[in-house]
Amino acid sequence: MFKFLKKVFFVDLDDSLTYPSTQTICNAIEKYCVSSKEKCQFVSTKKPVTFYLEDKLFTAEITMARGGYIIKCIEK
């Protein structure tokens, strides 16, 4: 069955004008997890970057927003 309400959150990049590498994506997500005091565990550090955040699986996508790139994390 299709899941209608998925949790989505955005993570800002330090350098949003250049397309981020997978290492930059992982570092930004770790920084977000530390600041929000949530437990984060990476499943895959290759594209697509997938990780568990408080026992929920998320996938990170790069999107354009406000004239630069931003990380969009979508619950699977």
N, C-alpha and C. Protein backbone atom coordinates (compact mmCIF):
# COMPACT_ATOMS: atom_id res chain seq x y z
N MET A 1 0.85 -1.19 0.00
CA MET A 1 0.00 0.00 0.00
C MET A 1 0.88 1.24 0.00
N PHE A 2 0.45 2.25 -0.72
CA PHE A 2 1.22 3.48 -0.82
C PHE A 2 1.14 4.27 0.48
N LYS A 3 2.27 4.75 0.93
CA LYS A 3 2.32 5.51 2.17
C LYS A 3 2.16 7.00 1.84
N PHE A 4 1.06 7.60 2.24
CA PHE A 4 0.75 8.98 1.87
C PHE A 4 1.55 10.01 2.67
N LEU A 5 1.71 9.78 3.94
CA LEU A 5 2.38 10.75 4.79
C LEU A 5 3.77 10.28 5.15
N LYS A 6 4.75 10.72 4.39
CA LYS A 6 6.13 10.38 4.65
C LYS A 6 6.80 11.58 5.32
N LYS A 7 7.70 11.30 6.23
CA LYS A 7 8.42 12.37 6.88
C LYS A 7 9.51 12.86 5.92
N VAL A 8 9.58 14.16 5.74
CA VAL A 8 10.58 14.78 4.89
C VAL A 8 11.20 15.93 5.67
N PHE A 9 12.53 16.03 5.60
CA PHE A 9 13.19 17.19 6.19
C PHE A 9 14.34 17.60 5.29
N PHE A 10 14.77 18.85 5.43
CA PHE A 10 15.82 19.42 4.59
C PHE A 10 17.05 19.73 5.43
N VAL A 11 18.21 19.51 4.83
CA VAL A 11 19.48 19.81 5.49
C VAL A 11 20.24 20.80 4.62
N ASP A 12 20.62 21.93 5.20
CA ASP A 12 21.37 22.94 4.47
C ASP A 12 22.82 22.53 4.32
N LEU A 13 23.42 22.94 3.23
CA LEU A 13 24.84 22.70 2.97
C LEU A 13 25.64 23.95 3.30
N ASP A 14 26.89 23.76 3.73
CA ASP A 14 27.75 24.91 4.00
C ASP A 14 28.06 25.67 2.72
N ASP A 15 28.37 24.93 1.64
CA ASP A 15 28.64 25.53 0.34
C ASP A 15 27.53 25.07 -0.61
N SER A 16 26.47 25.83 -0.68
CA SER A 16 25.29 25.39 -1.42
C SER A 16 25.37 25.68 -2.92
N LEU A 17 26.41 26.37 -3.37
CA LEU A 17 26.50 26.72 -4.78
C LEU A 17 27.16 25.65 -5.62
N THR A 18 27.86 24.70 -5.02
CA THR A 18 28.49 23.61 -5.77
C THR A 18 27.77 22.31 -5.46
N TYR A 19 27.68 21.44 -6.47
CA TYR A 19 27.02 20.16 -6.28
C TYR A 19 27.83 19.31 -5.29
N PRO A 20 27.21 18.81 -4.22
CA PRO A 20 27.96 18.11 -3.17
C PRO A 20 28.33 16.68 -3.53
N SER A 21 29.47 16.24 -3.02
CA SER A 21 29.88 14.84 -3.16
C SER A 21 29.15 14.02 -2.09
N THR A 22 29.28 12.71 -2.18
CA THR A 22 28.62 11.86 -1.18
C THR A 22 29.22 12.08 0.21
N GLN A 23 30.52 12.35 0.27
CA GLN A 23 31.15 12.63 1.56
C GLN A 23 30.59 13.91 2.18
N THR A 24 30.37 14.93 1.37
CA THR A 24 29.80 16.18 1.86
C THR A 24 28.38 15.97 2.35
N ILE A 25 27.62 15.14 1.64
CA ILE A 25 26.25 14.83 2.03
C ILE A 25 26.23 14.12 3.39
N CYS A 26 27.10 13.12 3.54
CA CYS A 26 27.18 12.38 4.81
C CYS A 26 27.59 13.29 5.96
N ASN A 27 28.55 14.17 5.72
CA ASN A 27 29.00 15.09 6.77
C ASN A 27 27.88 16.05 7.19
N ALA A 28 27.11 16.54 6.23
CA ALA A 28 26.01 17.45 6.55
C ALA A 28 24.91 16.74 7.34
N ILE A 29 24.63 15.49 6.98
CA ILE A 29 23.60 14.73 7.70
C ILE A 29 24.07 14.43 9.13
N GLU A 30 25.35 14.05 9.30
CA GLU A 30 25.89 13.81 10.64
C GLU A 30 25.82 15.08 11.48
N LYS A 31 26.14 16.21 10.88
CA LYS A 31 26.09 17.49 11.59
C LYS A 31 24.65 17.79 12.02
N TYR A 32 23.69 17.51 11.16
CA TYR A 32 22.28 17.70 11.50
C TYR A 32 21.87 16.80 12.66
N CYS A 33 22.30 15.54 12.63
CA CYS A 33 21.95 14.58 13.68
C CYS A 33 22.52 15.00 15.03
N VAL A 34 23.74 15.49 15.03
CA VAL A 34 24.36 15.94 16.28
C VAL A 34 23.61 17.14 16.84
N SER A 35 23.25 18.09 15.97
CA SER A 35 22.57 19.29 16.45
C SER A 35 21.15 18.99 16.93
N SER A 36 20.48 18.01 16.34
CA SER A 36 19.13 17.66 16.76
C SER A 36 19.10 16.55 17.81
N LYS A 37 20.29 16.05 18.18
CA LYS A 37 20.44 15.02 19.20
C LYS A 37 19.68 13.74 18.87
N GLU A 38 19.73 13.37 17.59
CA GLU A 38 19.11 12.13 17.14
C GLU A 38 20.19 11.15 16.72
N LYS A 39 19.88 9.88 16.86
CA LYS A 39 20.83 8.82 16.53
C LYS A 39 20.77 8.53 15.03
N CYS A 40 21.93 8.54 14.37
CA CYS A 40 22.01 8.35 12.93
C CYS A 40 22.99 7.22 12.62
N GLN A 41 22.58 6.32 11.72
CA GLN A 41 23.44 5.21 11.30
C GLN A 41 23.30 5.06 9.79
N PHE A 42 24.44 5.15 9.07
CA PHE A 42 24.43 5.08 7.62
C PHE A 42 24.36 3.63 7.15
N VAL A 43 23.51 3.39 6.16
CA VAL A 43 23.39 2.09 5.52
C VAL A 43 24.26 2.08 4.27
N SER A 44 24.17 3.15 3.49
CA SER A 44 24.95 3.28 2.26
C SER A 44 25.50 4.70 2.16
N THR A 45 26.80 4.81 1.91
CA THR A 45 27.41 6.13 1.73
C THR A 45 27.67 6.41 0.26
N LYS A 46 27.12 5.57 -0.61
CA LYS A 46 27.17 5.82 -2.05
C LYS A 46 25.79 6.27 -2.49
N LYS A 47 25.72 6.87 -3.67
CA LYS A 47 24.43 7.37 -4.14
C LYS A 47 23.49 6.23 -4.46
N PRO A 48 22.28 6.26 -3.99
CA PRO A 48 21.70 7.25 -3.08
C PRO A 48 22.13 6.98 -1.64
N VAL A 49 22.43 8.03 -0.91
CA VAL A 49 22.83 7.91 0.49
C VAL A 49 21.59 7.52 1.29
N THR A 50 21.68 6.41 2.02
CA THR A 50 20.58 5.96 2.86
C THR A 50 21.07 5.84 4.29
N PHE A 51 20.19 6.13 5.22
CA PHE A 51 20.58 6.09 6.64
C PHE A 51 19.35 5.88 7.51
N TYR A 52 19.60 5.37 8.71
CA TYR A 52 18.56 5.24 9.73
C TYR A 52 18.65 6.42 10.66
N LEU A 53 17.50 7.02 10.92
CA LEU A 53 17.40 8.11 11.88
C LEU A 53 16.31 7.72 12.85
N GLU A 54 16.73 7.39 14.07
CA GLU A 54 15.78 6.93 15.10
C GLU A 54 14.93 5.78 14.58
N ASP A 55 15.58 4.76 14.03
CA ASP A 55 14.95 3.51 13.57
C ASP A 55 14.02 3.67 12.36
N LYS A 56 14.14 4.78 11.62
CA LYS A 56 13.39 4.96 10.38
C LYS A 56 14.39 5.16 9.25
N LEU A 57 14.14 4.51 8.13
CA LEU A 57 15.04 4.56 6.99
C LEU A 57 14.76 5.79 6.13
N PHE A 58 15.81 6.54 5.79
CA PHE A 58 15.71 7.74 4.97
C PHE A 58 16.66 7.64 3.79
N THR A 59 16.29 8.31 2.71
CA THR A 59 17.14 8.45 1.53
C THR A 59 17.39 9.94 1.31
N ALA A 60 18.64 10.29 0.99
CA ALA A 60 18.99 11.69 0.76
C ALA A 60 19.05 11.97 -0.73
N GLU A 61 18.37 13.05 -1.15
CA GLU A 61 18.39 13.50 -2.53
C GLU A 61 18.88 14.94 -2.56
N ILE A 62 19.52 15.32 -3.65
CA ILE A 62 19.99 16.69 -3.82
C ILE A 62 18.98 17.42 -4.70
N THR A 63 18.49 18.56 -4.23
CA THR A 63 17.55 19.37 -5.00
C THR A 63 18.00 20.82 -5.01
N MET A 64 17.47 21.57 -5.97
CA MET A 64 17.75 23.01 -6.04
C MET A 64 16.73 23.75 -5.18
N ALA A 65 17.23 24.71 -4.41
CA ALA A 65 16.34 25.53 -3.59
C ALA A 65 17.04 26.85 -3.28
N ARG A 66 16.33 27.92 -3.40
CA ARG A 66 16.85 29.25 -3.06
C ARG A 66 18.15 29.58 -3.76
N GLY A 67 18.31 29.17 -4.98
CA GLY A 67 19.51 29.52 -5.73
C GLY A 67 20.71 28.65 -5.43
N GLY A 68 20.53 27.54 -4.77
CA GLY A 68 21.64 26.63 -4.46
C GLY A 68 21.11 25.24 -4.23
N TYR A 69 22.02 24.35 -3.85
CA TYR A 69 21.63 22.95 -3.59
C TYR A 69 21.28 22.75 -2.13
N ILE A 70 20.36 21.81 -1.89
CA ILE A 70 19.95 21.47 -0.54
C ILE A 70 19.71 19.96 -0.50
N ILE A 71 19.87 19.35 0.66
CA ILE A 71 19.66 17.92 0.81
C ILE A 71 18.23 17.69 1.30
N LYS A 72 17.51 16.87 0.55
CA LYS A 72 16.14 16.51 0.92
C LYS A 72 16.16 15.06 1.39
N CYS A 73 15.80 14.84 2.64
CA CYS A 73 15.79 13.51 3.23
C CYS A 73 14.36 13.01 3.30
N ILE A 74 14.10 11.86 2.66
CA ILE A 74 12.74 11.32 2.54
C ILE A 74 12.69 9.96 3.23
N GLU A 75 11.66 9.78 4.06
CA GLU A 75 11.46 8.49 4.74
C GLU A 75 11.03 7.44 3.73
N LYS A 76 11.60 6.25 3.84
CA LYS A 76 11.23 5.14 2.95
C LYS A 76 10.24 4.23 3.60
